[in-house]
């Protein structure tokens, strides 16, 4: 139970920090962050599919 509270606190604090600094970032930095997030999601999806197949 306590680990879930810590995870929720990290997510909430991280969200507020991102909301605070997002407008101050350059456009290329924003694009790199968004591309890396989608890349991590796609790699995770491929790993999950490969684990389910094999």
N, C-alpha and C. Protein backbone atom coordinates (compact mmCIF):
# COMPACT_ATOMS: atom_id res chain seq x y z
N UNK A 1 0.81 -1.21 0.00
CA UNK A 1 0.00 0.00 0.00
C UNK A 1 0.86 1.27 0.00
N UNK A 2 1.90 1.39 0.85
CA UNK A 2 2.68 2.63 0.85
C UNK A 2 3.40 2.89 -0.47
N UNK A 3 3.79 1.81 -1.18
CA UNK A 3 4.49 2.04 -2.44
C UNK A 3 3.57 2.66 -3.48
N UNK A 4 2.28 2.36 -3.42
CA UNK A 4 1.34 2.98 -4.34
C UNK A 4 1.17 4.47 -4.04
N UNK A 5 1.18 4.83 -2.79
CA UNK A 5 1.09 6.23 -2.40
C UNK A 5 2.32 6.99 -2.91
N UNK A 6 3.49 6.39 -2.79
CA UNK A 6 4.72 7.02 -3.27
C UNK A 6 4.68 7.18 -4.79
N UNK A 7 4.19 6.16 -5.50
CA UNK A 7 4.09 6.24 -6.96
C UNK A 7 3.14 7.35 -7.37
N UNK A 8 2.00 7.46 -6.68
CA UNK A 8 1.03 8.51 -7.01
C UNK A 8 1.62 9.90 -6.73
N UNK A 9 2.33 10.05 -5.63
CA UNK A 9 2.96 11.33 -5.33
C UNK A 9 4.00 11.70 -6.39
N UNK A 10 4.79 10.74 -6.83
CA UNK A 10 5.79 11.01 -7.87
C UNK A 10 5.11 11.44 -9.17
N UNK A 11 4.03 10.76 -9.53
CA UNK A 11 3.32 11.11 -10.76
C UNK A 11 2.72 12.51 -10.67
N UNK A 12 2.09 12.83 -9.55
CA UNK A 12 1.45 14.14 -9.40
C UNK A 12 2.50 15.25 -9.38
N UNK A 13 3.57 15.07 -8.62
CA UNK A 13 4.62 16.10 -8.56
C UNK A 13 5.30 16.25 -9.92
N UNK A 14 5.56 15.14 -10.59
CA UNK A 14 6.15 15.20 -11.93
C UNK A 14 5.25 15.91 -12.92
N UNK A 15 3.94 15.68 -12.83
CA UNK A 15 3.01 16.36 -13.73
C UNK A 15 3.02 17.87 -13.51
N UNK A 16 3.03 18.29 -12.25
CA UNK A 16 3.06 19.72 -11.97
C UNK A 16 4.37 20.35 -12.42
N UNK A 17 5.48 19.64 -12.27
CA UNK A 17 6.77 20.18 -12.73
C UNK A 17 6.77 20.32 -14.25
N UNK A 18 6.24 19.30 -14.94
CA UNK A 18 6.17 19.37 -16.40
C UNK A 18 5.26 20.50 -16.85
N UNK A 19 4.12 20.67 -16.18
CA UNK A 19 3.21 21.76 -16.53
C UNK A 19 3.87 23.12 -16.31
N UNK A 20 4.74 23.22 -15.32
CA UNK A 20 5.40 24.48 -15.03
C UNK A 20 6.46 24.82 -16.07
N UNK A 21 7.24 23.85 -16.48
CA UNK A 21 8.37 24.12 -17.36
C UNK A 21 8.08 23.91 -18.84
N UNK A 22 6.94 23.32 -19.21
CA UNK A 22 6.65 23.02 -20.61
C UNK A 22 6.61 24.28 -21.49
N UNK A 23 5.95 25.36 -21.08
CA UNK A 23 5.94 26.56 -21.95
C UNK A 23 7.32 27.21 -22.12
N UNK A 24 8.23 26.96 -21.21
CA UNK A 24 9.55 27.59 -21.27
C UNK A 24 10.51 26.84 -22.17
N UNK A 25 10.15 25.62 -22.59
CA UNK A 25 11.04 24.82 -23.43
C UNK A 25 11.00 25.29 -24.87
N UNK A 26 12.09 25.04 -25.60
CA UNK A 26 12.13 25.35 -27.02
C UNK A 26 11.26 24.35 -27.78
N UNK A 27 10.89 24.72 -28.99
CA UNK A 27 10.02 23.86 -29.80
C UNK A 27 10.71 22.54 -30.16
N UNK A 28 12.00 22.59 -30.47
CA UNK A 28 12.71 21.36 -30.83
C UNK A 28 12.82 20.43 -29.62
N UNK A 29 13.00 20.98 -28.44
CA UNK A 29 13.08 20.16 -27.24
C UNK A 29 11.74 19.49 -26.96
N UNK A 30 10.66 20.22 -27.17
CA UNK A 30 9.32 19.63 -26.99
C UNK A 30 9.11 18.47 -27.95
N UNK A 31 9.52 18.66 -29.22
CA UNK A 31 9.36 17.61 -30.21
C UNK A 31 10.18 16.37 -29.86
N UNK A 32 11.40 16.59 -29.35
CA UNK A 32 12.24 15.46 -28.96
C UNK A 32 11.63 14.70 -27.78
N UNK A 33 11.07 15.42 -26.82
CA UNK A 33 10.45 14.77 -25.66
C UNK A 33 9.25 13.95 -26.09
N UNK A 34 8.40 14.52 -26.93
CA UNK A 34 7.21 13.81 -27.39
C UNK A 34 7.60 12.59 -28.22
N UNK A 35 8.59 12.73 -29.10
CA UNK A 35 9.04 11.61 -29.92
C UNK A 35 9.64 10.50 -29.06
N UNK A 36 10.38 10.86 -28.02
CA UNK A 36 10.97 9.83 -27.16
C UNK A 36 9.89 9.11 -26.35
N UNK A 37 8.86 9.82 -25.93
CA UNK A 37 7.75 9.17 -25.21
C UNK A 37 7.05 8.15 -26.10
N UNK A 38 6.74 8.55 -27.34
CA UNK A 38 6.10 7.62 -28.26
C UNK A 38 7.03 6.47 -28.62
N UNK A 39 8.33 6.72 -28.71
CA UNK A 39 9.27 5.65 -28.98
C UNK A 39 9.32 4.63 -27.86
N UNK A 40 9.31 5.10 -26.61
CA UNK A 40 9.31 4.19 -25.46
C UNK A 40 8.03 3.37 -25.43
N UNK A 41 6.91 4.01 -25.74
CA UNK A 41 5.63 3.28 -25.76
C UNK A 41 5.64 2.22 -26.85
N UNK A 42 6.15 2.56 -28.03
CA UNK A 42 6.15 1.58 -29.13
C UNK A 42 7.11 0.43 -28.84
N UNK A 43 8.27 0.70 -28.25
CA UNK A 43 9.19 -0.38 -27.90
C UNK A 43 8.57 -1.28 -26.83
N UNK A 44 7.92 -0.68 -25.85
CA UNK A 44 7.23 -1.48 -24.82
C UNK A 44 6.14 -2.34 -25.41
N UNK A 45 5.41 -1.79 -26.38
CA UNK A 45 4.35 -2.56 -27.03
C UNK A 45 4.93 -3.74 -27.81
N UNK A 46 6.04 -3.52 -28.51
CA UNK A 46 6.68 -4.60 -29.26
C UNK A 46 7.21 -5.69 -28.32
N UNK A 47 7.78 -5.29 -27.19
CA UNK A 47 8.27 -6.27 -26.22
C UNK A 47 7.10 -7.07 -25.65
N UNK A 48 6.01 -6.40 -25.34
CA UNK A 48 4.84 -7.09 -24.81
C UNK A 48 4.28 -8.09 -25.82
N UNK A 49 4.17 -7.69 -27.07
CA UNK A 49 3.66 -8.59 -28.12
C UNK A 49 4.60 -9.79 -28.29
N UNK A 50 5.91 -9.53 -28.29
CA UNK A 50 6.85 -10.64 -28.47
C UNK A 50 6.81 -11.59 -27.28
N UNK A 51 6.60 -11.09 -26.08
CA UNK A 51 6.49 -11.97 -24.92
C UNK A 51 5.20 -12.79 -24.97
N UNK A 52 4.15 -12.23 -25.50
CA UNK A 52 2.90 -12.97 -25.61
C UNK A 52 2.94 -14.03 -26.71
N UNK A 53 3.71 -13.76 -27.77
CA UNK A 53 3.78 -14.73 -28.88
C UNK A 53 4.67 -15.90 -28.51
N UNK A 54 5.83 -15.62 -27.90
CA UNK A 54 6.78 -16.70 -27.62
C UNK A 54 6.58 -17.16 -26.24
